[in-house]
């Protein structure tokens, strides 16, 4: 038994299932932690990245590049594949799903973890940014679900779609208007997508992970938010990944159409 198998002995197992995890471009990110958790649980995983987005953000791209990120996951091989795609392109979601089927023969789960971050308030918001954030965050989530549904073999139990929202339903995000609007759409689409796939035994759920330490916050924000969390710290990507793995497992087969707030009792009102 190798180290990963020992770590997961007696825990959730993904057997020989195949998962797509989007937004895996930084070792500090949630997507990386999800992919690592799935691999350790026995799944085969196709990871998606789009490094140019990170490069344009204050936190920047991972200094080791995508090759280093993949190496940290065990490197591309029989159980791990990678595709880069820009979800601003409406054809990209289907391409990602097609690549997973080509590599592994089928797909059992899609985790749409990717996100376009956008810092625009009402005074400076632009139509272009609204359109782009919606396309990447909301539209791509729908099209990934559509492409997955088109190829899923319903004889295989355990079909899963897991989406991500961002707490915009719990407090305003006035300085991130395009982001909040697009994430709100994901929140609202969850129940409808779940109903569309329920008769096929495919579940659809969404996670609001709350504040997660992926290296993007400056020290002032990190401290202020940390004081509003009962644990006195931000959540970790690994904690989010465990919720995702559980939702993807047989243990969560009776849960669908839900938006799960997994944010450590975040007390927004004391910030």
C-alpha atoms as a PDB file:
ATOM      1  CA  UNK A   1       0.000   0.000   0.000  1.00  0.00           C
ATOM      2  CA  UNK A   2       1.544   3.349  -1.022  1.00  0.00           C
ATOM      3  CA  UNK A   3       1.430   6.557   1.059  1.00  0.00           C
ATOM      4  CA  UNK A   4      -1.710   7.881  -0.637  1.00  0.00           C
ATOM      5  CA  UNK A   5      -3.512   4.567  -0.181  1.00  0.00           C
ATOM      6  CA  UNK A   6      -2.485   4.413   3.490  1.00  0.00           C
ATOM      7  CA  UNK A   7      -3.770   7.946   4.025  1.00  0.00           C
ATOM      8  CA  UNK A   8      -7.184   6.984   2.627  1.00  0.00           C
ATOM      9  CA  UNK A   9      -7.412   3.494   4.134  1.00  0.00           C
ATOM     10  CA  UNK A  10     -10.836   3.240   5.747  1.00  0.00           C
ATOM     11  CA  UNK A  11     -11.996   6.544   4.251  1.00  0.00           C
ATOM     12  CA  UNK A  12     -14.058   7.519   1.217  1.00  0.00           C
ATOM     13  CA  UNK A  13     -13.012   5.576  -1.872  1.00  0.00           C
ATOM     14  CA  UNK A  14     -13.582   6.604  -5.481  1.00  0.00           C
ATOM     15  CA  UNK A  15     -12.629   3.187  -6.803  1.00  0.00           C
ATOM     16  CA  UNK A  16     -11.935   3.441 -10.508  1.00  0.00           C
ATOM     17  CA  UNK A  17     -14.151   6.445 -11.114  1.00  0.00           C
ATOM     18  CA  UNK A  18     -13.172   9.264 -13.453  1.00  0.00           C
ATOM     19  CA  UNK A  19     -13.457  12.892 -12.435  1.00  0.00           C
ATOM     20  CA  UNK A  20     -12.926  16.197 -14.210  1.00  0.00           C
ATOM     21  CA  UNK A  21     -11.689  19.008 -11.960  1.00  0.00           C
ATOM     22  CA  UNK A  22     -11.545  22.485 -13.476  1.00  0.00           C
ATOM     23  CA  UNK A  23      -9.445  25.390 -12.268  1.00  0.00           C
ATOM     24  CA  UNK A  24      -6.325  23.451 -11.306  1.00  0.00           C
ATOM     25  CA  UNK A  25      -3.520  25.911 -11.998  1.00  0.00           C
ATOM     26  CA  UNK A  26      -1.932  26.695  -8.610  1.00  0.00           C
ATOM     27  CA  UNK A  27      -0.641  24.379  -5.889  1.00  0.00           C
ATOM     28  CA  UNK A  28      -2.202  26.707  -3.309  1.00  0.00           C
ATOM     29  CA  UNK A  29      -5.623  26.511  -4.955  1.00  0.00           C
ATOM     30  CA  UNK A  30      -8.794  24.634  -4.133  1.00  0.00           C
ATOM     31  CA  UNK A  31      -8.740  22.803  -7.476  1.00  0.00           C
ATOM     32  CA  UNK A  32      -5.300  21.367  -6.758  1.00  0.00           C
ATOM     33  CA  UNK A  33      -6.444  20.095  -3.362  1.00  0.00           C
ATOM     34  CA  UNK A  34      -9.550  18.517  -4.908  1.00  0.00           C
ATOM     35  CA  UNK A  35      -7.544  16.764  -7.618  1.00  0.00           C
ATOM     36  CA  UNK A  36      -5.055  15.469  -5.047  1.00  0.00           C
ATOM     37  CA  UNK A  37      -7.864  14.194  -2.798  1.00  0.00           C
ATOM     38  CA  UNK A  38      -9.548  12.387  -5.710  1.00  0.00           C
ATOM     39  CA  UNK A  39      -6.295  10.803  -6.843  1.00  0.00           C
ATOM     40  CA  UNK A  40      -5.533   9.617  -3.324  1.00  0.00           C
ATOM     41  CA  UNK A  41      -9.019   8.093  -3.141  1.00  0.00           C
ATOM     42  CA  UNK A  42      -8.311   6.002  -6.253  1.00  0.00           C
ATOM     43  CA  UNK A  43      -9.982   8.075  -8.974  1.00  0.00           C
ATOM     44  CA  UNK A  44      -8.555   8.907 -12.357  1.00  0.00           C
ATOM     45  CA  UNK A  45      -8.608  12.627 -12.931  1.00  0.00           C
ATOM     46  CA  UNK A  46      -8.472  15.051 -15.829  1.00  0.00           C
ATOM     47  CA  UNK A  47      -7.497  18.485 -14.552  1.00  0.00           C
ATOM     48  CA  UNK A  48      -8.235  21.691 -16.419  1.00  0.00           C
ATOM     49  CA  UNK A  49      -6.282  24.927 -16.136  1.00  0.00           C
ATOM     50  CA  UNK A  50      -6.125  28.383 -17.662  1.00  0.00           C
ATOM     51  CA  UNK A  51      -2.931  29.962 -16.396  1.00  0.00           C
ATOM     52  CA  UNK A  52      -3.310  33.334 -18.201  1.00  0.00           C
ATOM     53  CA  UNK A  53      -6.112  34.264 -15.802  1.00  0.00           C
ATOM     54  CA  UNK A  54      -3.895  33.793 -12.751  1.00  0.00           C
ATOM     55  CA  UNK A  55      -1.063  35.661 -14.432  1.00  0.00           C
ATOM     56  CA  UNK A  56      -3.346  38.712 -14.745  1.00  0.00           C
ATOM     57  CA  UNK A  57      -4.357  38.645 -11.073  1.00  0.00           C
ATOM     58  CA  UNK A  58      -2.489  40.156  -8.073  1.00  0.00           C
ATOM     59  CA  UNK A  59      -1.556  36.696  -6.780  1.00  0.00           C
ATOM     60  CA  UNK A  60       0.004  35.691 -10.102  1.00  0.00           C
ATOM     61  CA  UNK A  61       0.563  32.312 -11.701  1.00  0.00           C
ATOM     62  CA  UNK A  62       2.222  29.499  -9.782  1.00  0.00           C
ATOM     63  CA  UNK A  63       6.009  30.043 -10.016  1.00  0.00           C
ATOM     64  CA  UNK A  64       6.579  26.394 -10.947  1.00  0.00           C
ATOM     65  CA  UNK A  65       4.223  26.689 -13.933  1.00  0.00           C
ATOM     66  CA  UNK A  66       1.597  24.162 -14.873  1.00  0.00           C
ATOM     67  CA  UNK A  67       4.284  21.510 -15.404  1.00  0.00           C
ATOM     68  CA  UNK A  68       5.285  21.874 -11.761  1.00  0.00           C
ATOM     69  CA  UNK A  69       1.668  21.759 -10.624  1.00  0.00           C
ATOM     70  CA  UNK A  70       1.109  18.506 -12.511  1.00  0.00           C
ATOM     71  CA  UNK A  71       4.348  17.070 -11.157  1.00  0.00           C
ATOM     72  CA  UNK A  72       3.133  17.813  -7.623  1.00  0.00           C
ATOM     73  CA  UNK A  73       0.007  15.762  -8.394  1.00  0.00           C
ATOM     74  CA  UNK A  74       2.103  12.803  -9.484  1.00  0.00           C
ATOM     75  CA  UNK A  75       2.582  13.876 -13.109  1.00  0.00           C
ATOM     76  CA  UNK A  76       0.602  13.042 -16.203  1.00  0.00           C
ATOM     77  CA  UNK A  77       0.181   9.318 -16.768  1.00  0.00           C
ATOM     78  CA  UNK A  78      -2.370   6.530 -16.511  1.00  0.00           C
ATOM     79  CA  UNK A  79      -4.359   8.261 -13.755  1.00  0.00           C
ATOM     80  CA  UNK A  80      -3.814  11.953 -14.424  1.00  0.00           C
ATOM     81  CA  UNK A  81      -4.351  13.999 -17.580  1.00  0.00           C
ATOM     82  CA  UNK A  82      -4.401  17.728 -18.236  1.00  0.00           C
ATOM     83  CA  UNK A  83      -6.023  20.137 -20.666  1.00  0.00           C
ATOM     84  CA  UNK A  84      -5.747  23.914 -20.859  1.00  0.00           C
ATOM     85  CA  UNK A  85      -8.859  25.717 -22.058  1.00  0.00           C
ATOM     86  CA  UNK A  86     -10.321  29.201 -21.894  1.00  0.00           C
ATOM     87  CA  UNK A  87     -13.963  28.978 -20.832  1.00  0.00           C
ATOM     88  CA  UNK A  88     -14.650  32.314 -22.492  1.00  0.00           C
ATOM     89  CA  UNK A  89     -14.849  30.091 -25.588  1.00  0.00           C
ATOM     90  CA  UNK A  90     -18.279  28.415 -25.620  1.00  0.00           C
ATOM     91  CA  UNK A  91     -16.760  25.323 -27.227  1.00  0.00           C
ATOM     92  CA  UNK A  92     -14.253  24.817 -24.407  1.00  0.00           C
ATOM     93  CA  UNK A  93     -16.453  22.951 -21.883  1.00  0.00           C
ATOM     94  CA  UNK A  94     -17.342  20.223 -24.379  1.00  0.00           C
ATOM     95  CA  UNK A  95     -13.677  19.989 -25.386  1.00  0.00           C
ATOM     96  CA  UNK A  96     -12.667  19.355 -21.776  1.00  0.00           C
ATOM     97  CA  UNK A  97     -15.247  16.590 -21.376  1.00  0.00           C
ATOM     98  CA  UNK A  98     -14.233  15.056 -24.718  1.00  0.00           C
ATOM     99  CA  UNK A  99     -10.586  14.991 -23.610  1.00  0.00           C
ATOM    100  CA  UNK A 100     -11.541  13.120 -20.431  1.00  0.00           C
ATOM    101  CA  UNK A 101     -13.530  10.518 -22.356  1.00  0.00           C
ATOM    102  CA  UNK A 102     -10.696  10.113 -24.851  1.00  0.00           C
ATOM    103  CA  UNK A 103      -8.213   9.579 -22.019  1.00  0.00           C
ATOM    104  CA  UNK A 104     -10.238   7.371 -19.680  1.00  0.00           C
ATOM    105  CA  UNK A 105     -13.233   6.051 -21.624  1.00  0.00           C
ATOM    106  CA  UNK A 106     -15.942   7.626 -19.494  1.00  0.00           C
ATOM    107  CA  UNK A 107     -16.618  10.344 -16.912  1.00  0.00           C
ATOM    108  CA  UNK A 108     -18.361   9.901 -13.551  1.00  0.00           C
ATOM    109  CA  UNK A 109     -18.021  13.342 -11.984  1.00  0.00           C
ATOM    110  CA  UNK A 110     -17.474  16.951 -12.968  1.00  0.00           C
ATOM    111  CA  UNK A 111     -16.208  19.462 -10.419  1.00  0.00           C
ATOM    112  CA  UNK A 112     -16.560  22.974 -11.850  1.00  0.00           C
ATOM    113  CA  UNK A 113     -14.147  24.702  -9.466  1.00  0.00           C
ATOM    114  CA  UNK A 114     -12.813  27.301 -11.915  1.00  0.00           C
ATOM    115  CA  UNK A 115     -13.675  30.987 -11.488  1.00  0.00           C
ATOM    116  CA  UNK A 116     -12.937  34.322 -13.068  1.00  0.00           C
ATOM    117  CA  UNK A 117     -12.241  36.913 -10.380  1.00  0.00           C
ATOM    118  CA  UNK A 118     -13.318  40.473 -11.081  1.00  0.00           C
ATOM    119  CA  UNK A 119     -12.923  43.673  -9.024  1.00  0.00           C
ATOM    120  CA  UNK A 120     -15.491  46.078 -10.422  1.00  0.00           C
ATOM    121  CA  UNK A 121     -18.164  47.965  -8.507  1.00  0.00           C
ATOM    122  CA  UNK A 122     -21.304  49.612  -9.795  1.00  0.00           C
ATOM    123  CA  UNK A 123     -19.543  52.873 -10.756  1.00  0.00           C
ATOM    124  CA  UNK A 124     -16.941  51.230 -12.977  1.00  0.00           C
ATOM    125  CA  UNK A 125     -18.512  47.945 -14.076  1.00  0.00           C
ATOM    126  CA  UNK A 126     -18.387  47.334 -17.824  1.00  0.00           C
ATOM    127  CA  UNK A 127     -20.544  45.315 -20.156  1.00  0.00           C
ATOM    128  CA  UNK A 128     -17.468  43.450 -21.362  1.00  0.00           C
ATOM    129  CA  UNK A 129     -16.543  42.331 -17.844  1.00  0.00           C
ATOM    130  CA  UNK A 130     -20.111  41.356 -17.007  1.00  0.00           C
ATOM    131  CA  UNK A 131     -20.272  39.264 -20.169  1.00  0.00           C
ATOM    132  CA  UNK A 132     -16.879  37.644 -19.601  1.00  0.00           C
ATOM    133  CA  UNK A 133     -17.513  36.791 -15.949  1.00  0.00           C
ATOM    134  CA  UNK A 134     -20.888  35.317 -16.834  1.00  0.00           C
ATOM    135  CA  UNK A 135     -19.393  33.305 -19.700  1.00  0.00           C
ATOM    136  CA  UNK A 136     -16.533  31.846 -17.665  1.00  0.00           C
ATOM    137  CA  UNK A 137     -18.281  31.320 -14.347  1.00  0.00           C
ATOM    138  CA  UNK A 138     -21.950  30.687 -15.175  1.00  0.00           C
ATOM    139  CA  UNK A 139     -22.243  29.666 -18.814  1.00  0.00           C
ATOM    140  CA  UNK A 140     -19.300  27.292 -18.641  1.00  0.00           C
ATOM    141  CA  UNK A 141     -20.801  25.576 -15.592  1.00  0.00           C
ATOM    142  CA  UNK A 142     -24.012  24.906 -17.526  1.00  0.00           C
ATOM    143  CA  UNK A 143     -22.163  23.760 -20.638  1.00  0.00           C
ATOM    144  CA  UNK A 144     -19.875  21.473 -18.618  1.00  0.00           C
ATOM    145  CA  UNK A 145     -22.969  19.906 -17.083  1.00  0.00           C
ATOM    146  CA  UNK A 146     -24.563  19.555 -20.509  1.00  0.00           C
ATOM    147  CA  UNK A 147     -21.472  17.964 -22.043  1.00  0.00           C
ATOM    148  CA  UNK A 148     -21.099  15.579 -19.108  1.00  0.00           C
ATOM    149  CA  UNK A 149     -24.763  14.560 -19.301  1.00  0.00           C
ATOM    150  CA  UNK A 150     -24.389  13.863 -23.026  1.00  0.00           C
ATOM    151  CA  UNK A 151     -21.595  11.318 -22.486  1.00  0.00           C
ATOM    152  CA  UNK A 152     -22.467   9.840 -19.102  1.00  0.00           C
ATOM    153  CA  UNK A 153     -23.246   6.126 -19.123  1.00  0.00           C
ATOM    154  CA  UNK A 154     -26.244   5.809 -16.821  1.00  0.00           C
ATOM    155  CA  UNK A 155     -25.428   2.145 -16.247  1.00  0.00           C
ATOM    156  CA  UNK A 156     -22.581   3.505 -14.128  1.00  0.00           C
ATOM    157  CA  UNK A 157     -23.976   4.631 -10.785  1.00  0.00           C
ATOM    158  CA  UNK A 158     -22.656   7.678  -9.003  1.00  0.00           C
ATOM    159  CA  UNK A 159     -22.920  10.415 -11.626  1.00  0.00           C
ATOM    160  CA  UNK A 160     -22.013  13.697  -9.959  1.00  0.00           C
ATOM    161  CA  UNK A 161     -21.872  17.402 -10.825  1.00  0.00           C
ATOM    162  CA  UNK A 162     -20.384  19.710  -8.184  1.00  0.00           C
ATOM    163  CA  UNK A 163     -20.435  23.461  -8.729  1.00  0.00           C
ATOM    164  CA  UNK A 164     -19.029  26.391  -6.740  1.00  0.00           C
ATOM    165  CA  UNK A 165     -20.623  29.588  -5.530  1.00  0.00           C
ATOM    166  CA  UNK A 166     -19.185  32.236  -3.225  1.00  0.00           C
ATOM    167  CA  UNK A 167     -21.453  33.396  -0.413  1.00  0.00           C
ATOM    168  CA  UNK A 168     -22.982  36.266  -2.371  1.00  0.00           C
ATOM    169  CA  UNK A 169     -26.379  35.031  -1.156  1.00  0.00           C
ATOM    170  CA  UNK A 170     -25.325  35.639   2.452  1.00  0.00           C
ATOM    171  CA  UNK A 171     -23.779  39.105   2.192  1.00  0.00           C
ATOM    172  CA  UNK A 172     -23.264  41.756  -0.513  1.00  0.00           C
ATOM    173  CA  UNK A 173     -20.102  41.789  -2.625  1.00  0.00           C
ATOM    174  CA  UNK A 174     -20.475  45.316  -3.979  1.00  0.00           C
ATOM    175  CA  UNK A 175     -16.856  45.675  -5.090  1.00  0.00           C
ATOM    176  CA  UNK A 176     -16.977  42.440  -7.093  1.00  0.00           C
ATOM    177  CA  UNK A 177     -20.199  42.968  -9.006  1.00  0.00           C
ATOM    178  CA  UNK A 178     -19.514  40.811 -12.119  1.00  0.00           C
ATOM    179  CA  UNK A 179     -18.211  38.003  -9.925  1.00  0.00           C
ATOM    180  CA  UNK A 180     -21.147  38.184  -7.497  1.00  0.00           C
ATOM    181  CA  UNK A 181     -23.717  38.238 -10.307  1.00  0.00           C
ATOM    182  CA  UNK A 182     -22.167  35.259 -12.079  1.00  0.00           C
ATOM    183  CA  UNK A 183     -21.807  33.253  -8.872  1.00  0.00           C
ATOM    184  CA  UNK A 184     -25.390  34.100  -7.969  1.00  0.00           C
ATOM    185  CA  UNK A 185     -26.445  32.514 -11.247  1.00  0.00           C
ATOM    186  CA  UNK A 186     -24.684  29.295 -10.237  1.00  0.00           C
ATOM    187  CA  UNK A 187     -26.519  29.307  -6.921  1.00  0.00           C
ATOM    188  CA  UNK A 188     -29.848  29.688  -8.704  1.00  0.00           C
ATOM    189  CA  UNK A 189     -29.176  27.107 -11.420  1.00  0.00           C
ATOM    190  CA  UNK A 190     -28.347  24.323  -8.974  1.00  0.00           C
ATOM    191  CA  UNK A 191     -31.864  23.086  -8.254  1.00  0.00           C
ATOM    192  CA  UNK A 192     -32.924  23.288 -11.899  1.00  0.00           C
ATOM    193  CA  UNK A 193     -29.887  21.357 -13.145  1.00  0.00           C
ATOM    194  CA  UNK A 194     -30.436  18.800 -10.398  1.00  0.00           C
ATOM    195  CA  UNK A 195     -34.038  18.286 -11.484  1.00  0.00           C
ATOM    196  CA  UNK A 196     -32.998  17.939 -15.123  1.00  0.00           C
ATOM    197  CA  UNK A 197     -30.685  15.028 -14.235  1.00  0.00           C
ATOM    198  CA  UNK A 198     -32.394  13.453 -11.233  1.00  0.00           C
ATOM    199  CA  UNK A 199     -34.193  10.752 -13.213  1.00  0.00           C
ATOM    200  CA  UNK A 200     -30.835   9.560 -14.536  1.00  0.00           C
ATOM    201  CA  UNK A 201     -29.368   9.128 -11.060  1.00  0.00           C
ATOM    202  CA  UNK A 202     -26.979  12.072 -11.478  1.00  0.00           C
ATOM    203  CA  UNK A 203     -26.776  14.480  -8.566  1.00  0.00           C
ATOM    204  CA  UNK A 204     -26.004  18.188  -8.830  1.00  0.00           C
ATOM    205  CA  UNK A 205     -24.872  20.169  -5.797  1.00  0.00           C
ATOM    206  CA  UNK A 206     -23.045  23.426  -5.154  1.00  0.00           C
ATOM    207  CA  UNK A 207     -20.546  24.380  -2.458  1.00  0.00           C
ATOM    208  CA  UNK A 208     -19.990  27.801  -0.945  1.00  0.00           C
ATOM    209  CA  UNK A 209     -16.561  27.243   0.658  1.00  0.00           C
ATOM    210  CA  UNK A 210     -16.383  30.577   2.474  1.00  0.00           C
ATOM    211  CA  UNK A 211     -13.022  32.291   2.991  1.00  0.00           C
ATOM    212  CA  UNK A 212     -10.301  29.872   1.920  1.00  0.00           C
ATOM    213  CA  UNK A 213      -6.588  30.575   2.244  1.00  0.00           C
ATOM    214  CA  UNK A 214      -5.239  30.202  -1.285  1.00  0.00           C
ATOM    215  CA  UNK A 215      -2.746  33.048  -0.991  1.00  0.00           C
ATOM    216  CA  UNK A 216      -4.821  35.789  -2.606  1.00  0.00           C
ATOM    217  CA  UNK A 217      -5.664  37.987   0.405  1.00  0.00           C
ATOM    218  CA  UNK A 218      -3.391  40.763   1.664  1.00  0.00           C
ATOM    219  CA  UNK A 219      -2.403  40.688   5.388  1.00  0.00           C
ATOM    220  CA  UNK A 220      -5.013  43.284   6.421  1.00  0.00           C
ATOM    221  CA  UNK A 221      -7.897  41.395   4.809  1.00  0.00           C
ATOM    222  CA  UNK A 222      -6.598  38.055   6.032  1.00  0.00           C
ATOM    223  CA  UNK A 223      -6.543  39.307   9.609  1.00  0.00           C
ATOM    224  CA  UNK A 224      -9.932  41.023   9.454  1.00  0.00           C
ATOM    225  CA  UNK A 225     -11.696  38.001   7.978  1.00  0.00           C
ATOM    226  CA  UNK A 226      -9.836  35.621  10.278  1.00  0.00           C
ATOM    227  CA  UNK A 227     -11.255  37.446  13.314  1.00  0.00           C
ATOM    228  CA  UNK A 228     -14.757  36.845  11.941  1.00  0.00           C
ATOM    229  CA  UNK A 229     -14.220  33.088  11.802  1.00  0.00           C
ATOM    230  CA  UNK A 230     -14.742  31.177  15.068  1.00  0.00           C
ATOM    231  CA  UNK A 231     -11.625  29.092  14.479  1.00  0.00           C
ATOM    232  CA  UNK A 232      -9.583  32.296  14.141  1.00  0.00           C
ATOM    233  CA  UNK A 233      -8.312  31.263  10.735  1.00  0.00           C
ATOM    234  CA  UNK A 234      -9.401  30.895   7.135  1.00  0.00           C
ATOM    235  CA  UNK A 235     -10.476  27.556   5.750  1.00  0.00           C
ATOM    236  CA  UNK A 236      -7.948  25.409   3.936  1.00  0.00           C
ATOM    237  CA  UNK A 237      -8.210  24.036   0.401  1.00  0.00           C
ATOM    238  CA  UNK A 238      -7.931  20.559   1.890  1.00  0.00           C
ATOM    239  CA  UNK A 239     -11.066  21.117   3.991  1.00  0.00           C
ATOM    240  CA  UNK A 240     -13.004  22.102   0.884  1.00  0.00           C
ATOM    241  CA  UNK A 241     -11.631  19.092  -1.003  1.00  0.00           C
ATOM    242  CA  UNK A 242     -12.957  16.703   1.636  1.00  0.00           C
ATOM    243  CA  UNK A 243     -16.492  18.072   1.218  1.00  0.00           C
ATOM    244  CA  UNK A 244     -16.196  17.698  -2.561  1.00  0.00           C
ATOM    245  CA  UNK A 245     -14.939  14.127  -2.250  1.00  0.00           C
ATOM    246  CA  UNK A 246     -17.835  13.257   0.032  1.00  0.00           C
ATOM    247  CA  UNK A 247     -20.393  14.747  -2.377  1.00  0.00           C
ATOM    248  CA  UNK A 248     -18.795  12.721  -5.183  1.00  0.00           C
ATOM    249  CA  UNK A 249     -18.979   9.493  -3.191  1.00  0.00           C
ATOM    250  CA  UNK A 250     -21.741   6.940  -2.748  1.00  0.00           C
ATOM    251  CA  UNK A 251     -22.304   8.282   0.773  1.00  0.00           C
ATOM    252  CA  UNK A 252     -23.918  11.414  -0.722  1.00  0.00           C
ATOM    253  CA  UNK A 253     -26.170   9.661  -3.230  1.00  0.00           C
ATOM    254  CA  UNK A 254     -29.353  10.984  -1.549  1.00  0.00           C
ATOM    255  CA  UNK A 255     -28.302  14.635  -1.743  1.00  0.00           C
ATOM    256  CA  UNK A 256     -29.057  16.720  -4.826  1.00  0.00           C
ATOM    257  CA  UNK A 257     -30.104  20.255  -5.694  1.00  0.00           C
ATOM    258  CA  UNK A 258     -28.427  21.680  -2.589  1.00  0.00           C
ATOM    259  CA  UNK A 259     -26.178  24.687  -2.003  1.00  0.00           C
ATOM    260  CA  UNK A 260     -23.956  23.763   0.933  1.00  0.00           C
ATOM    261  CA  UNK A 261     -22.373  26.521   3.023  1.00  0.00           C
ATOM    262  CA  UNK A 262     -19.127  25.057   4.317  1.00  0.00           C
ATOM    263  CA  UNK A 263     -17.527  28.137   5.825  1.00  0.00           C
ATOM    264  CA  UNK A 264     -16.685  27.501   9.447  1.00  0.00           C
ATOM    265  CA  UNK A 265     -19.450  29.643  10.974  1.00  0.00           C
ATOM    266  CA  UNK A 266     -18.238  32.821   9.228  1.00  0.00           C
ATOM    267  CA  UNK A 267     -19.580  35.806  11.253  1.00  0.00           C
ATOM    268  CA  UNK A 268     -19.729  38.425   8.536  1.00  0.00           C
ATOM    269  CA  UNK A 269     -21.472  40.883  10.828  1.00  0.00           C
ATOM    270  CA  UNK A 270     -18.387  41.327  13.063  1.00  0.00           C
ATOM    271  CA  UNK A 271     -15.984  42.294  10.276  1.00  0.00           C
END
